[in-house]
Amino acid sequence: MAMTYKILGQKSPAAATDYNLYTVSGSKQAIINCITVANRDANSAKYQISIRPDGATKTSDHYIAYDVQVDANLSVALNLGITLDTNDVLTVQSSSGLVTFNAYGVEIDV
């Protein structure tokens, strides 16, 4: 069982737009060790993070963060240890197009 430590996704999505930051592909599983949220705006912003099992349509059950405020020009690091199976999706959104999301973790061949 090979493991690859890597950047799983990096993106500054448009404001108020869901973006699939990472999808577990092929015959892999993954562990998200850390998600960073960097607000590059001079104003505060809010962000949302959800985990959608097997690519399911997003519902209120999938949120791990909902409308959390990040102050102007600040970053937060969420050290979570989220385990994902094939086709699970990490989806992000923010109130500003100046918020950058990064996900770091491990892909595991199964």
N, C-alpha and C. Protein backbone atom coordinates (compact mmCIF):
# COMPACT_ATOMS: atom_id res chain seq x y z
N MET A 1 0.85 -1.17 0.00
CA MET A 1 0.00 0.00 0.00
C MET A 1 0.90 1.24 0.00
N ALA A 2 0.99 1.90 -1.14
CA ALA A 2 1.82 3.10 -1.28
C ALA A 2 1.08 4.32 -0.76
N MET A 3 1.85 5.20 -0.09
CA MET A 3 1.30 6.46 0.39
C MET A 3 2.09 7.61 -0.22
N THR A 4 1.38 8.64 -0.67
CA THR A 4 2.01 9.81 -1.26
C THR A 4 1.58 11.05 -0.48
N TYR A 5 2.54 11.72 0.13
CA TYR A 5 2.26 12.96 0.85
C TYR A 5 2.28 14.09 -0.17
N LYS A 6 1.23 14.92 -0.17
CA LYS A 6 1.16 15.92 -1.23
C LYS A 6 0.23 17.07 -0.90
N ILE A 7 0.30 18.08 -1.74
CA ILE A 7 -0.70 19.14 -1.74
C ILE A 7 -1.91 18.58 -2.48
N LEU A 8 -3.03 18.51 -1.81
CA LEU A 8 -4.22 17.92 -2.40
C LEU A 8 -5.01 18.93 -3.24
N GLY A 9 -4.92 20.20 -2.89
CA GLY A 9 -5.63 21.22 -3.66
C GLY A 9 -5.27 22.61 -3.20
N GLN A 10 -5.30 23.56 -4.15
CA GLN A 10 -5.05 24.96 -3.87
C GLN A 10 -5.93 25.79 -4.80
N LYS A 11 -6.68 26.74 -4.21
CA LYS A 11 -7.57 27.53 -5.07
C LYS A 11 -8.08 28.76 -4.32
N SER A 12 -8.29 29.82 -5.09
CA SER A 12 -9.01 31.01 -4.63
C SER A 12 -10.28 31.11 -5.48
N PRO A 13 -11.34 30.43 -5.08
CA PRO A 13 -12.55 30.43 -5.91
C PRO A 13 -13.26 31.79 -5.90
N ALA A 14 -14.08 32.00 -6.91
CA ALA A 14 -14.89 33.20 -6.98
C ALA A 14 -15.80 33.27 -5.76
N ALA A 15 -16.17 34.47 -5.37
CA ALA A 15 -17.02 34.68 -4.20
C ALA A 15 -18.34 33.92 -4.33
N ALA A 16 -18.78 33.35 -3.20
CA ALA A 16 -20.08 32.68 -3.10
C ALA A 16 -20.26 31.56 -4.13
N THR A 17 -19.16 30.89 -4.47
CA THR A 17 -19.20 29.82 -5.46
C THR A 17 -18.58 28.56 -4.86
N ASP A 18 -19.33 27.46 -4.86
CA ASP A 18 -18.76 26.18 -4.42
C ASP A 18 -17.64 25.77 -5.36
N TYR A 19 -16.54 25.29 -4.79
CA TYR A 19 -15.42 24.79 -5.58
C TYR A 19 -14.97 23.47 -4.99
N ASN A 20 -14.87 22.45 -5.82
CA ASN A 20 -14.39 21.14 -5.38
C ASN A 20 -12.87 21.18 -5.33
N LEU A 21 -12.34 21.42 -4.14
CA LEU A 21 -10.91 21.58 -3.96
C LEU A 21 -10.16 20.27 -4.15
N TYR A 22 -10.78 19.16 -3.77
CA TYR A 22 -10.12 17.86 -3.90
C TYR A 22 -11.18 16.77 -4.00
N THR A 23 -10.96 15.84 -4.92
CA THR A 23 -11.78 14.64 -5.06
C THR A 23 -10.87 13.44 -5.04
N VAL A 24 -11.19 12.46 -4.21
CA VAL A 24 -10.38 11.24 -4.15
C VAL A 24 -10.66 10.44 -5.42
N SER A 25 -9.62 10.18 -6.19
CA SER A 25 -9.81 9.54 -7.49
C SER A 25 -9.35 8.09 -7.51
N GLY A 26 -9.80 7.41 -8.55
CA GLY A 26 -9.34 6.04 -8.82
C GLY A 26 -9.46 5.12 -7.64
N SER A 27 -8.48 4.29 -7.48
CA SER A 27 -8.49 3.31 -6.38
C SER A 27 -7.63 3.85 -5.24
N LYS A 28 -8.02 5.02 -4.74
CA LYS A 28 -7.28 5.67 -3.66
C LYS A 28 -8.19 6.00 -2.49
N GLN A 29 -7.57 6.18 -1.36
CA GLN A 29 -8.18 6.78 -0.19
C GLN A 29 -7.28 7.95 0.19
N ALA A 30 -7.72 8.80 1.10
CA ALA A 30 -6.90 9.96 1.46
C ALA A 30 -7.14 10.36 2.90
N ILE A 31 -6.15 11.05 3.43
CA ILE A 31 -6.27 11.69 4.73
C ILE A 31 -5.89 13.15 4.54
N ILE A 32 -6.81 14.05 4.89
CA ILE A 32 -6.51 15.47 4.85
C ILE A 32 -5.97 15.85 6.22
N ASN A 33 -4.70 16.19 6.26
CA ASN A 33 -4.08 16.56 7.54
C ASN A 33 -4.34 18.00 7.92
N CYS A 34 -4.33 18.88 6.94
CA CYS A 34 -4.47 20.30 7.24
C CYS A 34 -5.16 21.02 6.09
N ILE A 35 -6.04 21.94 6.44
CA ILE A 35 -6.65 22.86 5.48
C ILE A 35 -6.30 24.26 5.97
N THR A 36 -5.73 25.08 5.09
CA THR A 36 -5.48 26.47 5.45
C THR A 36 -6.46 27.36 4.68
N VAL A 37 -6.85 28.44 5.35
CA VAL A 37 -7.75 29.43 4.77
C VAL A 37 -7.05 30.78 4.95
N ALA A 38 -6.68 31.40 3.83
CA ALA A 38 -5.96 32.67 3.88
C ALA A 38 -6.83 33.78 3.28
N ASN A 39 -7.15 34.76 4.10
CA ASN A 39 -7.93 35.90 3.63
C ASN A 39 -6.97 36.99 3.18
N ARG A 40 -6.89 37.24 1.88
CA ARG A 40 -6.00 38.24 1.31
C ARG A 40 -6.68 39.60 1.17
N ASP A 41 -7.88 39.71 1.67
CA ASP A 41 -8.69 40.93 1.54
C ASP A 41 -8.45 41.86 2.74
N ALA A 42 -8.64 43.16 2.54
CA ALA A 42 -8.54 44.14 3.62
C ALA A 42 -9.81 44.15 4.49
N ASN A 43 -10.78 43.32 4.13
CA ASN A 43 -12.01 43.17 4.90
C ASN A 43 -12.13 41.73 5.37
N SER A 44 -12.88 41.52 6.44
CA SER A 44 -13.11 40.15 6.90
C SER A 44 -13.96 39.39 5.87
N ALA A 45 -13.88 38.09 5.93
CA ALA A 45 -14.65 37.24 5.02
C ALA A 45 -15.15 36.03 5.81
N LYS A 46 -16.10 35.33 5.23
CA LYS A 46 -16.60 34.08 5.81
C LYS A 46 -16.32 32.94 4.86
N TYR A 47 -16.12 31.76 5.43
CA TYR A 47 -15.86 30.59 4.59
C TYR A 47 -16.68 29.40 5.03
N GLN A 48 -16.84 28.47 4.09
CA GLN A 48 -17.53 27.20 4.33
C GLN A 48 -16.66 26.07 3.79
N ILE A 49 -16.69 24.95 4.50
CA ILE A 49 -15.98 23.74 4.07
C ILE A 49 -16.93 22.57 4.29
N SER A 50 -17.05 21.72 3.27
CA SER A 50 -17.90 20.53 3.42
C SER A 50 -17.17 19.31 2.84
N ILE A 51 -17.53 18.16 3.36
CA ILE A 51 -17.04 16.88 2.87
C ILE A 51 -18.25 16.10 2.36
N ARG A 52 -18.23 15.79 1.06
CA ARG A 52 -19.37 15.10 0.45
C ARG A 52 -18.99 13.65 0.15
N PRO A 53 -19.55 12.70 0.90
CA PRO A 53 -19.22 11.30 0.67
C PRO A 53 -19.69 10.83 -0.71
N ASP A 54 -18.79 10.16 -1.40
CA ASP A 54 -19.09 9.56 -2.70
C ASP A 54 -19.72 10.56 -3.67
N GLY A 55 -19.30 11.84 -3.57
CA GLY A 55 -19.79 12.86 -4.50
C GLY A 55 -21.24 13.24 -4.33
N ALA A 56 -21.81 12.98 -3.16
CA ALA A 56 -23.23 13.28 -2.92
C ALA A 56 -23.51 14.76 -3.10
N THR A 57 -24.76 15.09 -3.39
CA THR A 57 -25.19 16.48 -3.44
C THR A 57 -25.06 17.07 -2.04
N LYS A 58 -24.52 18.28 -1.95
CA LYS A 58 -24.25 18.89 -0.66
C LYS A 58 -25.54 19.15 0.11
N THR A 59 -25.53 18.77 1.38
CA THR A 59 -26.63 19.05 2.30
C THR A 59 -26.04 19.63 3.58
N SER A 60 -26.88 20.04 4.49
CA SER A 60 -26.41 20.61 5.75
C SER A 60 -25.61 19.61 6.58
N ASP A 61 -25.78 18.32 6.33
CA ASP A 61 -25.05 17.29 7.07
C ASP A 61 -23.56 17.26 6.72
N HIS A 62 -23.16 17.84 5.60
CA HIS A 62 -21.79 17.70 5.10
C HIS A 62 -20.82 18.78 5.57
N TYR A 63 -21.30 19.83 6.21
CA TYR A 63 -20.43 20.94 6.60
C TYR A 63 -19.54 20.58 7.77
N ILE A 64 -18.26 20.94 7.65
CA ILE A 64 -17.36 20.89 8.81
C ILE A 64 -17.05 22.31 9.29
N ALA A 65 -17.34 23.30 8.44
CA ALA A 65 -17.25 24.72 8.82
C ALA A 65 -18.31 25.45 8.01
N TYR A 66 -19.06 26.32 8.69
CA TYR A 66 -20.14 27.04 8.00
C TYR A 66 -20.14 28.51 8.40
N ASP A 67 -19.90 29.37 7.44
CA ASP A 67 -19.88 30.82 7.65
C ASP A 67 -18.97 31.22 8.82
N VAL A 68 -17.79 30.63 8.84
CA VAL A 68 -16.79 30.97 9.85
C VAL A 68 -16.06 32.23 9.39
N GLN A 69 -15.91 33.18 10.27
CA GLN A 69 -15.26 34.44 9.89
C GLN A 69 -13.75 34.31 10.01
N VAL A 70 -13.06 34.84 9.00
CA VAL A 70 -11.60 35.01 9.05
C VAL A 70 -11.34 36.49 8.83
N ASP A 71 -10.64 37.10 9.77
CA ASP A 71 -10.43 38.54 9.72
C ASP A 71 -9.54 38.95 8.56
N ALA A 72 -9.51 40.23 8.28
CA ALA A 72 -8.74 40.79 7.17
C ALA A 72 -7.27 40.41 7.26
N ASN A 73 -6.71 39.99 6.13
CA ASN A 73 -5.28 39.69 6.01
C ASN A 73 -4.77 38.67 7.02
N LEU A 74 -5.60 37.71 7.39
CA LEU A 74 -5.20 36.66 8.32
C LEU A 74 -5.40 35.29 7.70
N SER A 75 -4.71 34.32 8.27
CA SER A 75 -4.85 32.92 7.85
C SER A 75 -5.19 32.06 9.05
N VAL A 76 -5.90 30.97 8.79
CA VAL A 76 -6.16 29.97 9.82
C VAL A 76 -5.73 28.62 9.27
N ALA A 77 -5.26 27.76 10.16
CA ALA A 77 -4.88 26.40 9.79
C ALA A 77 -5.76 25.45 10.59
N LEU A 78 -6.45 24.57 9.88
CA LEU A 78 -7.33 23.58 10.50
C LEU A 78 -6.64 22.23 10.40
N ASN A 79 -6.16 21.72 11.53
CA ASN A 79 -5.49 20.42 11.57
C ASN A 79 -6.52 19.38 11.98
N LEU A 80 -7.01 18.62 10.99
CA LEU A 80 -8.22 17.84 11.19
C LEU A 80 -8.06 16.32 11.12
N GLY A 81 -7.22 15.80 10.25
CA GLY A 81 -7.11 14.35 10.10
C GLY A 81 -8.37 13.72 9.53
N ILE A 82 -8.91 14.29 8.46
CA ILE A 82 -10.15 13.80 7.85
C ILE A 82 -9.83 12.63 6.93
N THR A 83 -10.51 11.52 7.13
CA THR A 83 -10.31 10.34 6.28
C THR A 83 -11.35 10.32 5.17
N LEU A 84 -10.89 10.04 3.95
CA LEU A 84 -11.76 10.05 2.78
C LEU A 84 -11.61 8.76 2.00
N ASP A 85 -12.70 8.33 1.40
CA ASP A 85 -12.72 7.15 0.55
C ASP A 85 -12.81 7.59 -0.91
N THR A 86 -12.70 6.64 -1.81
CA THR A 86 -12.79 6.93 -3.24
C THR A 86 -14.06 7.72 -3.55
N ASN A 87 -13.92 8.77 -4.36
CA ASN A 87 -15.00 9.65 -4.83
C ASN A 87 -15.52 10.63 -3.78
N ASP A 88 -14.96 10.66 -2.57
CA ASP A 88 -15.35 11.68 -1.60
C ASP A 88 -14.79 13.03 -2.08
N VAL A 89 -15.51 14.11 -1.75
CA VAL A 89 -15.17 15.43 -2.29
C VAL A 89 -15.05 16.46 -1.16
N LEU A 90 -13.97 17.24 -1.19
CA LEU A 90 -13.78 18.38 -0.31
C LEU A 90 -14.21 19.62 -1.09
N THR A 91 -15.25 20.30 -0.59
CA THR A 91 -15.80 21.47 -1.27
C THR A 91 -15.63 22.69 -0.39
N VAL A 92 -15.22 23.82 -0.99
CA VAL A 92 -15.00 25.05 -0.25
C VAL A 92 -15.77 26.20 -0.89
N GLN A 93 -15.98 27.25 -0.09
CA GLN A 93 -16.65 28.45 -0.59
C GLN A 93 -16.29 29.59 0.36
N SER A 94 -16.27 30.82 -0.16
CA SER A 94 -16.05 31.98 0.70
C SER A 94 -16.91 33.15 0.22
N SER A 95 -17.03 34.13 1.08
CA SER A 95 -17.81 35.32 0.73
C SER A 95 -17.01 36.30 -0.12
N SER A 96 -15.73 36.02 -0.29
CA SER A 96 -14.85 36.91 -1.05
C SER A 96 -14.02 36.10 -2.04
N GLY A 97 -13.76 36.65 -3.18
CA GLY A 97 -12.88 35.99 -4.14
C GLY A 97 -11.42 36.13 -3.77
N LEU A 98 -11.14 36.71 -2.61
CA LEU A 98 -9.76 36.89 -2.15
C LEU A 98 -9.41 35.98 -0.99
N VAL A 99 -10.07 34.84 -0.90
CA VAL A 99 -9.77 33.84 0.11
C VAL A 99 -9.17 32.62 -0.60
N THR A 100 -8.01 32.20 -0.13
CA THR A 100 -7.31 31.05 -0.71
C THR A 100 -7.40 29.86 0.21
N PHE A 101 -7.75 28.71 -0.36
CA PHE A 101 -7.82 27.45 0.38
C PHE A 101 -6.68 26.54 -0.08
N ASN A 102 -6.06 25.86 0.87
CA ASN A 102 -5.04 24.85 0.59
C ASN A 102 -5.36 23.61 1.41
N ALA A 103 -5.21 22.45 0.80
CA ALA A 103 -5.41 21.19 1.53
C ALA A 103 -4.15 20.35 1.36
N TYR A 104 -3.65 19.82 2.48
CA TYR A 104 -2.43 19.01 2.48
C TYR A 104 -2.75 17.66 3.13
N GLY A 105 -2.17 16.61 2.57
CA GLY A 105 -2.45 15.31 3.16
C GLY A 105 -1.73 14.17 2.48
N VAL A 106 -2.36 13.01 2.56
CA VAL A 106 -1.78 11.76 2.09
C VAL A 106 -2.78 11.05 1.20
N GLU A 107 -2.34 10.60 0.03
CA GLU A 107 -3.13 9.69 -0.80
C GLU A 107 -2.59 8.28 -0.61
N ILE A 108 -3.52 7.34 -0.48
CA ILE A 108 -3.17 5.94 -0.20
C ILE A 108 -3.71 5.07 -1.32
N ASP A 109 -2.83 4.29 -1.95
CA ASP A 109 -3.28 3.33 -2.96
C ASP A 109 -3.93 2.15 -2.27
N VAL A 110 -5.12 1.78 -2.76
CA VAL A 110 -5.82 0.61 -2.17
C VAL A 110 -6.06 -0.46 -3.22
